[in-house]
Structures are given as C-alpha cells and as structure tokens.
N, C-alpha and C. Protein backbone atom coordinates (compact mmCIF):
# COMPACT_ATOMS: atom_id res chain seq x y z
N MET A 1 9.70 -77.91 41.91
CA MET A 1 8.47 -77.00 42.69
C MET A 1 9.31 -75.97 41.77
N SER A 2 8.02 -74.99 41.37
CA SER A 2 8.10 -73.81 41.49
C SER A 2 7.56 -72.59 42.46
N LEU A 3 7.84 -71.54 42.06
CA LEU A 3 8.02 -70.56 42.74
C LEU A 3 7.54 -68.81 42.11
N ALA A 4 6.74 -67.82 43.27
CA ALA A 4 6.49 -66.87 42.48
C ALA A 4 7.41 -66.17 42.84
N VAL A 5 8.23 -64.80 41.64
CA VAL A 5 8.67 -64.27 41.79
C VAL A 5 8.03 -63.00 41.60
N PRO A 6 8.52 -61.86 42.39
CA PRO A 6 7.51 -60.82 42.84
C PRO A 6 7.73 -59.95 42.15
N ALA A 7 6.85 -59.14 41.90
CA ALA A 7 6.84 -57.71 40.61
C ALA A 7 6.71 -56.59 41.20
N GLY A 8 7.86 -56.33 40.70
CA GLY A 8 7.85 -55.16 41.42
C GLY A 8 8.23 -54.46 42.62
N CYS A 9 8.03 -53.63 42.88
CA CYS A 9 8.28 -53.29 44.81
C CYS A 9 7.46 -53.20 46.01
N ALA A 10 5.89 -52.41 44.74
CA ALA A 10 4.59 -51.93 45.61
C ALA A 10 4.17 -53.30 46.90
N GLY A 11 4.06 -52.65 47.40
CA GLY A 11 3.51 -53.78 48.75
C GLY A 11 2.70 -54.52 48.58
N LEU A 12 2.53 -56.24 48.94
CA LEU A 12 2.18 -57.09 48.25
C LEU A 12 1.53 -57.49 49.42
N ALA A 13 -0.32 -57.50 48.93
CA ALA A 13 -1.07 -57.43 49.49
C ALA A 13 -1.66 -59.23 49.93
N LYS A 14 -2.18 -58.80 51.62
CA LYS A 14 -2.61 -60.36 51.99
C LYS A 14 -2.73 -61.88 51.31
N THR A 15 -3.26 -61.35 49.64
CA THR A 15 -3.73 -62.13 49.56
C THR A 15 -3.00 -62.74 48.38
N ARG A 16 -1.89 -61.55 48.26
CA ARG A 16 -0.64 -62.33 46.76
C ARG A 16 0.19 -63.07 47.65
N GLN A 17 0.06 -62.76 49.30
CA GLN A 17 1.25 -63.34 49.52
C GLN A 17 0.71 -64.59 49.96
N ALA A 18 0.22 -64.32 50.18
CA ALA A 18 -0.88 -66.49 50.20
C ALA A 18 -0.98 -67.02 48.88
N LEU A 19 -1.20 -66.22 47.97
CA LEU A 19 -0.95 -66.68 46.17
C LEU A 19 0.01 -66.66 46.27
N SER A 20 1.68 -66.61 46.29
CA SER A 20 2.93 -66.53 46.46
C SER A 20 3.43 -67.92 47.47
N VAL A 21 2.57 -68.22 48.10
CA VAL A 21 3.18 -69.51 49.19
C VAL A 21 2.48 -70.19 48.22
N ASP A 22 1.22 -70.14 47.62
CA ASP A 22 0.81 -71.53 47.43
C ASP A 22 1.51 -72.18 46.14
N ASP A 23 2.02 -71.27 45.59
CA ASP A 23 2.83 -71.08 44.08
C ASP A 23 3.95 -71.99 44.65
N LEU A 24 5.24 -71.26 45.33
CA LEU A 24 5.79 -72.22 46.07
C LEU A 24 6.06 -73.65 46.29
N LEU A 25 5.08 -73.68 46.69
CA LEU A 25 5.28 -75.29 47.68
C LEU A 25 3.68 -75.63 46.48
N ALA A 26 3.51 -75.87 44.84
CA ALA A 26 3.08 -75.80 44.67
C ALA A 26 3.59 -77.76 44.21
N GLY A 27 4.98 -77.95 43.93
CA GLY A 27 4.98 -78.98 43.68
C GLY A 27 5.55 -80.10 44.78
N TRP A 28 5.37 -79.57 45.64
CA TRP A 28 5.87 -80.00 47.11
C TRP A 28 4.54 -81.41 47.31
N ASN A 29 5.53 -82.24 48.21
CA ASN A 29 4.24 -83.31 48.21
C ASN A 29 3.55 -83.46 49.44
N GLY A 30 3.68 -82.31 50.40
CA GLY A 30 3.14 -82.29 51.31
C GLY A 30 3.62 -83.60 52.83
N VAL A 31 4.69 -84.36 52.45
CA VAL A 31 5.37 -85.44 53.42
C VAL A 31 7.02 -84.77 54.00
N ASP A 32 7.34 -84.29 52.33
CA ASP A 32 8.95 -84.41 52.77
C ASP A 32 9.63 -82.87 54.08
N ASP A 33 9.97 -82.82 54.46
CA ASP A 33 10.53 -81.85 54.83
C ASP A 33 11.38 -80.57 54.86
N LEU A 34 11.61 -79.42 54.49
CA LEU A 34 11.81 -78.51 53.63
C LEU A 34 13.10 -77.77 54.84
N TRP A 35 13.98 -76.94 53.90
CA TRP A 35 15.09 -76.47 53.87
C TRP A 35 15.26 -74.93 53.52
N VAL A 36 15.17 -73.75 54.55
CA VAL A 36 15.09 -72.55 54.76
C VAL A 36 16.72 -72.30 54.63
N PHE A 37 17.65 -71.01 53.62
CA PHE A 37 18.77 -70.68 54.01
C PHE A 37 19.09 -69.71 54.80
N ALA A 38 19.44 -69.29 55.85
CA ALA A 38 19.70 -67.84 56.71
C ALA A 38 21.27 -67.21 56.62
N TYR A 39 20.68 -66.08 56.16
CA TYR A 39 22.53 -65.42 55.67
C TYR A 39 22.63 -64.25 56.70
N GLY A 40 21.57 -63.51 57.22
CA GLY A 40 21.48 -62.67 58.12
C GLY A 40 20.58 -62.79 59.58
N SER A 41 19.48 -61.95 59.32
CA SER A 41 19.14 -61.80 60.96
C SER A 41 18.25 -63.39 61.35
N LEU A 42 17.73 -63.95 60.48
CA LEU A 42 17.44 -65.35 60.07
C LEU A 42 18.42 -66.45 61.47
N ILE A 43 19.43 -66.10 61.03
CA ILE A 43 20.00 -66.55 62.05
C ILE A 43 20.25 -67.20 63.70
N TRP A 44 19.87 -65.70 63.77
CA TRP A 44 20.21 -65.61 65.57
C TRP A 44 18.15 -64.59 65.79
N HIS A 45 17.88 -64.87 64.98
CA HIS A 45 16.42 -64.70 65.20
C HIS A 45 15.47 -65.56 64.46
N PRO A 46 15.55 -67.22 63.80
CA PRO A 46 14.67 -67.00 62.81
C PRO A 46 13.34 -67.34 63.07
N GLY A 47 12.78 -67.27 64.09
CA GLY A 47 11.35 -66.94 64.17
C GLY A 47 9.91 -68.44 64.08
N PHE A 48 11.05 -69.46 63.99
CA PHE A 48 10.17 -70.85 63.67
C PHE A 48 10.55 -71.51 64.31
N ALA A 49 9.93 -72.79 64.65
CA ALA A 49 10.63 -74.22 65.05
C ALA A 49 11.14 -74.93 63.85
N TRP A 50 12.49 -74.87 64.05
CA TRP A 50 12.66 -75.63 63.44
C TRP A 50 13.62 -77.59 63.47
N ARG A 51 13.92 -78.37 62.92
CA ARG A 51 14.11 -80.08 63.27
C ARG A 51 15.31 -80.04 63.39
N GLU A 52 16.56 -79.52 62.28
CA GLU A 52 17.87 -79.85 62.42
C GLU A 52 18.44 -78.55 61.32
N ARG A 53 19.67 -77.73 62.03
CA ARG A 53 20.34 -76.84 61.40
C ARG A 53 21.61 -77.30 61.01
N ARG A 54 22.07 -76.20 60.09
CA ARG A 54 23.24 -77.12 59.20
C ARG A 54 23.70 -75.91 58.63
N LEU A 55 25.32 -75.68 58.91
CA LEU A 55 26.23 -75.32 58.36
C LEU A 55 25.89 -74.87 56.83
N ALA A 56 25.42 -74.03 55.91
CA ALA A 56 26.03 -74.48 54.60
C ALA A 56 25.87 -73.05 53.48
N THR A 57 26.23 -73.54 52.71
CA THR A 57 27.10 -72.72 51.56
C THR A 57 26.01 -71.88 50.30
N VAL A 58 25.21 -71.47 50.14
CA VAL A 58 24.78 -70.99 48.48
C VAL A 58 26.12 -70.23 47.74
N ARG A 59 25.79 -70.93 46.58
CA ARG A 59 27.20 -70.36 45.65
C ARG A 59 26.02 -69.32 44.65
N GLY A 60 27.68 -68.63 43.60
CA GLY A 60 27.21 -67.28 43.01
C GLY A 60 26.49 -66.05 43.24
N TYR A 61 25.75 -65.82 45.13
CA TYR A 61 25.54 -65.14 45.13
C TYR A 61 26.35 -64.81 47.00
N HIS A 62 26.69 -63.42 47.13
CA HIS A 62 27.60 -63.53 47.91
C HIS A 62 26.25 -61.92 49.24
N ARG A 63 26.71 -62.04 50.81
CA ARG A 63 26.20 -61.08 51.50
C ARG A 63 26.30 -60.02 51.30
N SER A 64 25.25 -58.57 51.39
CA SER A 64 25.61 -57.83 51.16
C SER A 64 24.80 -57.02 51.40
N LEU A 65 25.65 -55.22 52.77
CA LEU A 65 24.42 -55.36 53.00
C LEU A 65 23.70 -54.08 52.28
N CYS A 66 23.08 -54.17 51.23
CA CYS A 66 22.59 -53.66 49.84
C CYS A 66 20.68 -53.50 50.23
N LEU A 67 19.78 -53.76 51.21
CA LEU A 67 18.86 -53.13 51.50
C LEU A 67 18.69 -51.83 51.81
N TRP A 68 17.72 -50.90 51.63
CA TRP A 68 17.47 -49.63 52.52
C TRP A 68 16.35 -50.09 53.22
N SER A 69 16.62 -49.45 54.44
CA SER A 69 14.84 -50.45 55.21
C SER A 69 14.43 -49.17 55.25
N HIS A 70 13.25 -48.80 55.49
CA HIS A 70 12.97 -47.46 55.97
C HIS A 70 12.03 -47.98 56.76
N ASP A 71 12.07 -48.87 57.53
CA ASP A 71 10.75 -49.73 58.24
C ASP A 71 11.06 -49.99 60.10
N HIS A 72 12.06 -51.26 59.52
CA HIS A 72 12.09 -52.09 60.29
C HIS A 72 13.88 -51.72 61.37
N ARG A 73 14.42 -51.30 60.19
CA ARG A 73 15.97 -50.75 60.96
C ARG A 73 16.30 -49.60 60.11
N GLY A 74 15.19 -48.76 59.90
CA GLY A 74 15.66 -47.48 59.97
C GLY A 74 14.11 -46.65 59.64
N SER A 75 14.16 -45.36 58.83
CA SER A 75 12.59 -44.44 58.76
C SER A 75 12.98 -44.17 57.81
N PRO A 76 11.62 -43.71 57.28
CA PRO A 76 11.62 -42.60 55.84
C PRO A 76 12.71 -42.19 55.78
N ASP A 77 12.90 -40.40 56.64
CA ASP A 77 14.08 -39.80 56.79
C ASP A 77 15.19 -40.28 56.99
N ASN A 78 15.88 -41.77 57.68
CA ASN A 78 16.73 -41.80 57.94
C ASN A 78 17.07 -43.86 58.07
N PRO A 79 16.96 -43.62 56.69
CA PRO A 79 17.28 -45.35 56.41
C PRO A 79 18.17 -45.90 56.95
N GLY A 80 17.65 -47.15 56.82
CA GLY A 80 18.96 -47.88 57.74
C GLY A 80 19.50 -48.85 56.52
N LEU A 81 20.37 -49.67 56.60
CA LEU A 81 20.81 -51.10 55.76
C LEU A 81 20.09 -52.21 56.43
N VAL A 82 19.92 -52.83 55.16
CA VAL A 82 19.50 -54.21 55.85
C VAL A 82 20.49 -55.42 54.42
N PHE A 83 21.18 -56.40 54.72
CA PHE A 83 21.28 -58.06 54.45
C PHE A 83 20.39 -58.45 53.55
N GLY A 84 21.25 -58.35 52.29
CA GLY A 84 20.80 -59.61 50.61
C GLY A 84 21.70 -59.91 50.06
N LEU A 85 20.94 -60.97 49.08
CA LEU A 85 21.80 -61.71 49.24
C LEU A 85 22.26 -61.23 47.25
N ASN A 86 23.46 -61.11 47.25
CA ASN A 86 23.70 -60.03 45.48
C ASN A 86 24.52 -60.75 44.95
N ARG A 87 24.88 -60.21 43.72
CA ARG A 87 25.36 -61.60 43.06
C ARG A 87 26.12 -61.88 42.98
N GLY A 88 27.03 -62.97 42.21
CA GLY A 88 28.25 -63.03 42.68
C GLY A 88 28.89 -63.34 44.03
N GLY A 89 30.16 -64.11 43.90
CA GLY A 89 30.66 -65.00 44.80
C GLY A 89 30.00 -65.97 45.80
N CYS A 90 30.41 -66.65 46.87
CA CYS A 90 29.39 -67.13 47.33
C CYS A 90 28.71 -66.60 49.01
N CYS A 91 28.25 -67.17 49.35
CA CYS A 91 27.71 -66.61 50.75
C CYS A 91 27.87 -68.51 51.75
N ARG A 92 28.04 -68.38 52.72
CA ARG A 92 28.04 -69.13 53.97
C ARG A 92 26.72 -68.66 55.01
N GLY A 93 26.06 -69.55 55.35
CA GLY A 93 24.95 -68.69 56.30
C GLY A 93 24.54 -70.45 57.01
N VAL A 94 23.10 -70.81 57.27
CA VAL A 94 22.76 -71.93 58.10
C VAL A 94 21.93 -72.34 57.05
N ALA A 95 21.10 -73.27 57.04
CA ALA A 95 20.27 -73.97 56.76
C ALA A 95 18.63 -74.89 57.57
N TYR A 96 18.50 -73.94 57.89
CA TYR A 96 17.61 -74.87 58.90
C TYR A 96 15.83 -76.01 57.66
N GLN A 97 16.35 -77.45 58.48
CA GLN A 97 15.17 -78.21 58.57
C GLN A 97 13.95 -78.38 58.71
N ILE A 98 12.30 -77.67 58.22
CA ILE A 98 11.48 -77.23 58.93
C ILE A 98 10.57 -78.72 58.44
N ALA A 99 9.59 -78.45 59.34
CA ALA A 99 9.48 -80.73 59.67
C ALA A 99 8.16 -80.01 58.25
N ALA A 100 7.76 -80.90 57.61
CA ALA A 100 6.68 -81.35 56.89
C ALA A 100 5.53 -80.54 57.70
N SER A 101 4.79 -81.34 58.98
CA SER A 101 3.50 -80.69 59.19
C SER A 101 3.52 -78.94 59.69
N ASP A 102 4.92 -78.83 60.34
CA ASP A 102 5.59 -77.02 59.37
C ASP A 102 5.28 -76.42 59.08
N VAL A 103 5.61 -76.73 57.70
CA VAL A 103 6.04 -76.06 56.89
C VAL A 103 4.97 -74.68 56.17
N PRO A 104 3.58 -75.09 56.55
CA PRO A 104 2.65 -74.59 55.68
C PRO A 104 2.92 -72.82 56.60
N THR A 105 2.90 -73.06 58.01
CA THR A 105 2.73 -71.98 59.48
C THR A 105 3.84 -71.15 59.06
N VAL A 106 5.24 -71.66 59.05
CA VAL A 106 6.38 -71.26 58.69
C VAL A 106 6.34 -70.39 57.88
N PHE A 107 6.07 -70.91 56.91
CA PHE A 107 6.06 -70.04 55.10
C PHE A 107 5.25 -68.99 55.33
N GLN A 108 3.86 -69.48 55.67
CA GLN A 108 3.29 -68.31 55.47
C GLN A 108 3.66 -67.00 56.57
N ALA A 109 4.74 -66.99 57.74
CA ALA A 109 5.15 -66.14 58.35
C ALA A 109 6.36 -65.43 57.86
N LEU A 110 6.90 -67.06 56.92
CA LEU A 110 8.44 -66.14 56.68
C LEU A 110 7.55 -65.25 55.25
N TRP A 111 7.16 -65.83 54.72
CA TRP A 111 5.99 -64.11 53.33
C TRP A 111 6.31 -63.56 54.18
N ARG A 112 5.32 -63.39 55.49
CA ARG A 112 4.85 -61.91 56.03
C ARG A 112 6.06 -61.18 56.48
N ARG A 113 7.02 -61.73 56.80
CA ARG A 113 8.72 -61.41 57.21
C ARG A 113 9.26 -61.01 56.08
N GLU A 114 9.50 -61.26 54.92
CA GLU A 114 10.20 -61.25 54.27
C GLU A 114 9.90 -60.32 52.91
N MET A 115 8.34 -60.71 52.32
CA MET A 115 8.22 -60.06 51.19
C MET A 115 7.02 -59.13 51.12
N VAL A 116 6.84 -58.59 51.84
CA VAL A 116 6.84 -56.86 51.73
C VAL A 116 6.61 -55.91 51.34
N THR A 117 7.46 -56.11 51.15
CA THR A 117 7.85 -55.25 49.54
C THR A 117 8.44 -55.28 48.43
N GLY A 118 8.41 -56.57 47.90
CA GLY A 118 9.28 -57.16 47.38
C GLY A 118 10.69 -57.20 46.71
N ALA A 119 11.04 -56.68 47.63
CA ALA A 119 12.78 -56.33 48.13
C ALA A 119 13.67 -57.56 47.74
N TYR A 120 12.64 -58.64 48.06
CA TYR A 120 13.44 -60.06 47.84
C TYR A 120 12.46 -60.97 47.18
N THR A 121 13.63 -62.05 46.13
CA THR A 121 13.25 -62.63 45.78
C THR A 121 13.53 -64.00 45.97
N PRO A 122 12.56 -65.48 45.51
CA PRO A 122 12.19 -66.09 46.33
C PRO A 122 13.13 -66.86 45.27
N ARG A 123 14.20 -67.84 45.84
CA ARG A 123 14.49 -69.10 44.94
C ARG A 123 15.01 -70.19 46.21
N TRP A 124 14.45 -71.76 45.08
CA TRP A 124 15.32 -72.75 45.11
C TRP A 124 16.91 -72.56 44.48
N LEU A 125 17.23 -72.83 46.09
CA LEU A 125 18.99 -73.16 45.09
C LEU A 125 19.06 -74.04 46.31
N THR A 126 20.91 -75.21 45.61
CA THR A 126 21.02 -76.00 45.81
C THR A 126 21.66 -75.05 47.67
N CYS A 127 21.96 -75.89 49.05
CA CYS A 127 22.65 -75.90 49.85
C CYS A 127 23.84 -76.30 50.15
N HIS A 128 24.82 -76.32 50.01
CA HIS A 128 25.74 -77.12 50.04
C HIS A 128 26.40 -77.12 51.39
N THR A 129 26.22 -78.98 52.12
CA THR A 129 26.27 -78.31 53.86
C THR A 129 27.84 -79.65 53.43
N ASP A 130 27.27 -79.82 55.21
CA ASP A 130 28.91 -81.22 54.78
C ASP A 130 28.47 -82.31 54.35
N ALA A 131 26.96 -82.40 54.96
CA ALA A 131 26.48 -84.21 54.94
C ALA A 131 25.83 -84.66 53.69
N ALA A 132 25.87 -83.74 53.40
CA ALA A 132 24.67 -83.48 51.57
C ALA A 132 24.39 -82.24 51.39
N PRO A 133 24.04 -82.35 49.10
CA PRO A 133 23.46 -81.28 49.00
C PRO A 133 22.01 -81.23 50.15
N VAL A 134 21.07 -79.85 49.87
CA VAL A 134 19.78 -80.06 50.05
C VAL A 134 19.31 -79.25 49.45
N PRO A 135 18.62 -79.21 49.05
CA PRO A 135 17.61 -78.25 48.60
C PRO A 135 16.63 -76.69 48.70
N GLY A 136 17.41 -75.82 49.25
CA GLY A 136 17.24 -74.38 50.25
C GLY A 136 15.68 -72.93 49.52
N LEU A 137 15.01 -72.85 50.49
CA LEU A 137 14.14 -72.00 50.01
C LEU A 137 15.64 -70.49 49.99
N VAL A 138 15.73 -69.82 49.54
CA VAL A 138 16.20 -68.00 49.35
C VAL A 138 15.91 -67.21 48.91
N PHE A 139 15.83 -66.30 50.02
CA PHE A 139 15.79 -65.23 49.76
C PHE A 139 16.88 -64.00 48.83
N LEU A 140 16.83 -63.87 47.28
CA LEU A 140 17.63 -63.41 47.15
C LEU A 140 17.26 -61.99 46.64
N LEU A 141 17.93 -60.72 46.60
CA LEU A 141 17.96 -59.68 46.76
C LEU A 141 17.27 -59.39 44.51
N ASN A 142 15.87 -58.80 45.14
CA ASN A 142 15.44 -58.01 43.94
C ASN A 142 16.22 -57.32 43.11
N ARG A 143 17.45 -56.67 42.12
CA ARG A 143 18.27 -55.59 41.78
C ARG A 143 17.07 -54.43 41.35
N ALA A 144 15.96 -55.26 41.33
CA ALA A 144 15.10 -54.39 40.17
C ALA A 144 14.16 -52.98 41.20
N CYS A 145 13.79 -53.78 42.48
CA CYS A 145 13.77 -52.73 43.43
C CYS A 145 14.34 -51.30 44.07
N ASP A 146 13.31 -50.89 44.68
CA ASP A 146 13.50 -49.55 44.59
C ASP A 146 14.69 -49.24 45.94
N GLU A 147 14.55 -50.53 46.86
CA GLU A 147 15.06 -50.34 48.09
C GLU A 147 16.27 -50.97 48.44
N TYR A 148 16.83 -51.03 46.65
CA TYR A 148 18.41 -51.48 46.18
C TYR A 148 19.14 -50.70 46.69
N ALA A 149 20.72 -50.56 47.20
CA ALA A 149 21.79 -49.61 47.85
C ALA A 149 22.41 -49.84 46.34
N ALA A 150 22.93 -49.41 45.63
CA ALA A 150 23.35 -50.06 44.96
C ALA A 150 25.21 -49.17 44.82
N ASP A 151 25.98 -49.39 45.08
CA ASP A 151 27.34 -48.38 44.75
C ASP A 151 27.08 -47.62 46.25
N LEU A 152 27.06 -47.70 47.16
CA LEU A 152 27.75 -47.07 48.53
C LEU A 152 29.12 -46.83 48.89
N SER A 153 28.90 -45.30 49.09
CA SER A 153 30.40 -45.32 49.87
C SER A 153 30.49 -45.44 50.94
N ASP A 154 31.80 -45.76 51.36
CA ASP A 154 32.08 -46.53 51.98
C ASP A 154 31.60 -45.89 53.42
N ASP A 155 31.91 -44.38 53.29
CA ASP A 155 31.31 -43.25 54.26
C ASP A 155 29.78 -42.83 54.95
N ARG A 156 28.92 -43.34 53.64
CA ARG A 156 27.62 -43.43 53.58
C ARG A 156 27.09 -44.73 54.24
N LEU A 157 27.49 -45.73 53.94
CA LEU A 157 26.99 -46.71 54.41
C LEU A 157 27.75 -46.86 55.84
N LEU A 158 28.62 -46.19 56.69
CA LEU A 158 29.15 -46.91 57.53
C LEU A 158 28.38 -45.96 58.79
N ALA A 159 27.74 -44.36 58.11
CA ALA A 159 26.73 -43.50 58.18
C ALA A 159 24.81 -44.14 58.76
N SER A 160 25.48 -44.33 57.72
CA SER A 160 23.60 -45.02 57.76
C SER A 160 23.27 -46.53 58.22
N VAL A 161 24.48 -47.11 59.08
CA VAL A 161 24.24 -47.42 60.52
C VAL A 161 24.34 -47.66 61.23
N ARG A 162 25.56 -46.95 61.57
CA ARG A 162 25.75 -45.79 62.79
C ARG A 162 24.18 -44.84 63.39
N ASN A 163 23.53 -44.70 62.61
CA ASN A 163 22.53 -43.75 62.81
C ASN A 163 21.25 -44.27 63.16
N ALA A 164 20.99 -45.01 61.56
CA ALA A 164 19.82 -45.79 61.75
C ALA A 164 18.88 -45.78 62.56
N VAL A 165 17.54 -45.79 63.18
CA VAL A 165 17.24 -46.49 64.52
C VAL A 165 15.00 -46.50 63.22
N GLY A 166 15.48 -48.39 63.24
CA GLY A 166 13.78 -48.77 63.36
C GLY A 166 12.81 -48.94 64.44
N GLN A 167 12.31 -49.85 63.95
CA GLN A 167 10.69 -50.20 64.12
C GLN A 167 11.50 -51.42 64.84
N SER A 168 12.22 -52.13 65.20
CA SER A 168 12.84 -53.53 65.50
C SER A 168 14.66 -53.32 65.96
N GLY A 169 14.77 -51.57 65.72
CA GLY A 169 16.09 -51.31 66.86
C GLY A 169 17.00 -50.84 65.60
N PRO A 170 17.79 -50.38 66.63
CA PRO A 170 18.73 -50.13 65.99
C PRO A 170 19.74 -50.64 64.79
N CYS A 171 20.32 -50.42 63.51
CA CYS A 171 20.52 -50.95 62.52
C CYS A 171 21.69 -51.81 62.95
N LEU A 172 22.63 -49.94 64.26
CA LEU A 172 24.05 -50.67 64.24
C LEU A 172 23.95 -52.30 65.13
N ASP A 173 22.71 -52.84 65.16
CA ASP A 173 22.31 -54.20 66.70
C ASP A 173 22.61 -55.04 65.63
N TYR A 174 21.73 -54.70 64.33
CA TYR A 174 21.31 -56.02 62.95
C TYR A 174 22.47 -56.35 63.16
N VAL A 175 23.55 -55.58 62.61
CA VAL A 175 24.34 -55.46 61.93
C VAL A 175 25.18 -56.63 62.96
N VAL A 176 25.78 -55.79 64.21
CA VAL A 176 26.29 -57.08 65.32
C VAL A 176 26.33 -57.67 65.20
N GLU A 177 25.07 -58.41 65.81
CA GLU A 177 24.40 -59.75 65.38
C GLU A 177 23.84 -60.75 64.62
N THR A 178 24.50 -59.89 64.31
CA THR A 178 24.47 -60.95 62.57
C THR A 178 26.28 -61.40 62.20
N GLU A 179 26.93 -60.59 62.86
CA GLU A 179 28.53 -60.80 62.51
C GLU A 179 28.35 -62.21 63.94
N ARG A 180 28.26 -61.32 64.72
CA ARG A 180 28.30 -62.04 66.08
C ARG A 180 27.73 -64.07 65.82
N ALA A 181 26.73 -63.73 64.87
CA ALA A 181 25.56 -64.96 64.98
C ALA A 181 26.67 -65.88 63.89
N LEU A 182 27.38 -64.86 63.18
CA LEU A 182 28.19 -65.81 62.12
C LEU A 182 30.26 -66.06 63.26
N ARG A 183 29.72 -65.58 63.55
CA ARG A 183 31.50 -66.11 64.18
C ARG A 183 30.80 -67.46 65.08
N ALA A 184 29.72 -66.92 65.97
CA ALA A 184 29.71 -68.45 67.16
C ALA A 184 29.42 -69.37 65.88
N HIS A 185 28.53 -69.66 64.53
CA HIS A 185 28.68 -70.48 64.38
C HIS A 185 30.01 -70.73 63.81
N GLY A 186 30.67 -70.65 63.52
CA GLY A 186 31.93 -70.60 63.14
C GLY A 186 32.50 -69.81 61.91
N ILE A 187 31.81 -68.86 61.44
CA ILE A 187 32.07 -68.51 59.20
C ILE A 187 32.28 -67.46 59.87
N ASP A 188 33.75 -67.17 58.96
CA ASP A 188 33.81 -66.29 58.85
C ASP A 188 33.99 -65.48 57.38
N ASP A 189 33.10 -64.16 57.48
CA ASP A 189 33.38 -63.13 57.00
C ASP A 189 33.96 -61.85 56.97
N TRP A 190 35.00 -62.14 56.79
CA TRP A 190 35.77 -60.47 56.35
C TRP A 190 35.39 -59.74 56.52
N ARG A 191 34.61 -59.01 54.87
CA ARG A 191 33.40 -57.87 54.87
C ARG A 191 33.24 -57.40 56.25
N LEU A 192 32.30 -58.42 56.69
CA LEU A 192 31.45 -57.56 57.17
C LEU A 192 31.71 -58.13 58.08
N GLY A 193 32.87 -58.50 59.03
CA GLY A 193 33.84 -58.05 60.35
C GLY A 193 34.66 -56.91 60.04
N ASP A 194 34.99 -56.83 59.31
CA ASP A 194 35.75 -55.81 58.96
C ASP A 194 34.55 -54.28 59.53
N LEU A 195 33.72 -54.31 59.04
CA LEU A 195 32.58 -52.94 59.00
C LEU A 195 32.29 -52.89 60.26
N VAL A 196 32.48 -54.43 61.08
CA VAL A 196 32.58 -54.33 62.20
C VAL A 196 33.33 -53.49 63.71
N ARG A 197 34.32 -53.58 62.74
CA ARG A 197 35.46 -53.67 63.17
C ARG A 197 35.38 -50.98 63.30
N LYS A 198 34.86 -51.08 62.54
CA LYS A 198 34.60 -50.13 61.73
C LYS A 198 34.08 -48.91 62.17
N LEU A 199 32.45 -49.97 62.64
CA LEU A 199 31.96 -49.16 63.29
C LEU A 199 32.31 -49.12 64.92
N GLY A 200 33.53 -50.26 65.41
CA GLY A 200 34.30 -49.82 66.57
C GLY A 200 33.23 -50.84 67.57
N GLN A 201 32.68 -51.94 67.13
CA GLN A 201 31.86 -52.56 67.42
C GLN A 201 32.33 -53.73 67.87
N ALA A 202 33.56 -53.65 67.36
CA ALA A 202 34.30 -56.00 67.05
C ALA A 202 34.12 -56.40 68.90
N PHE A 203 33.52 -57.47 69.01
CA PHE A 203 34.01 -57.99 70.46
C PHE A 203 35.00 -58.90 70.78
C-alpha cells in the first residue's frame, strides 16, 4: 500500500485530507482488516471501534514529547507538548485491529485528528506483536515541521507540561493519562515514568 506524506506544516484542507486517505488506502483490497499503532492518547482515547487490541513494538522510533501543541494541549502564548515518534530506539504501544467495514470512517476520523497541521508523517510499519507481526498505520514525527520541539531542556519541558492548558484540557493530564494507560497495559516506559515522577504526579 502507498501513502501520502504531508508537505510542510501548513494546515491541510479537508480536500487534501480526503486525498491523503485515498492515497493511503490505494492498495487496500477493501476486504482485509487494517491495524493502527497507538503510542500516545490513542491508547486511552482511541475514539473509534476496534475488533482486537494487541501490545506491539515498532522498531527504529521512540516515544517522545517533541511536538508543540498550540491548541489541544496548549495555546499560542503558552504551548504544551504532545507525543511523537522520533528516530531511534523502539516504542512499545498498542495495535488496534480495525474491521474492514469500519476502515473508511475510522481512517477519515484519524486524519481529522492527527493530520491537521502536518506535524505527523503517516507510514505503514511492521508492528511486532506476541501473536505475529502485522503491518500497521503509524503516525511518525515530521521533523521538518514548525511544531517540532527539538533539544528542550528538562526545565522548559517540565514547565510546559505543568502550565499549558488547551481546548482538550491541561497538558499535564495528557501526559499523566498516557503514562497511566501504558502501565495499565504492562508497558514500562521508564523515561515517561521518570518525567511523571518529576512532575509530582506518579500514582
């Protein structure tokens, strides 16, 4: 299957979003179920129906608070941070199996949720599960975008997470809920756990 890569970080029009989904599904036979890899809020707030859920590992990328959020978890004056998959290492998360009949609706919803600014690059990657490897849709960090928060100091990262609030609520809640969801699935992300402890919000 082929898929479109976002060009730059200007907002994507609805027609561009639709074309991107069409490109993504160009090689799909319309019969097979598809998989989506979740590594952040999609774990605890997927927002779509799923048939099966498996723990999965994606190799070559790691979970990182590396994207500025000026809307959902922050504001233009006080941006928060959200997760992206940055180069290097590996990432343990959750793979959701989407029934073939739900794929068009679910993928359109994912595009509206994840592809508004072009901060993510969609890719089909191998998701390694205990049962078998499956190809899954993964939203990778687009390092060329303006929202990329590279080389933040610990103090700035902590201050941004503690203080930013956006349309979807405090950035702190977003980070803590993600860490809590990972632990509930038996996933130990020691970097994120250490961050949550520093924030004074470990449970």
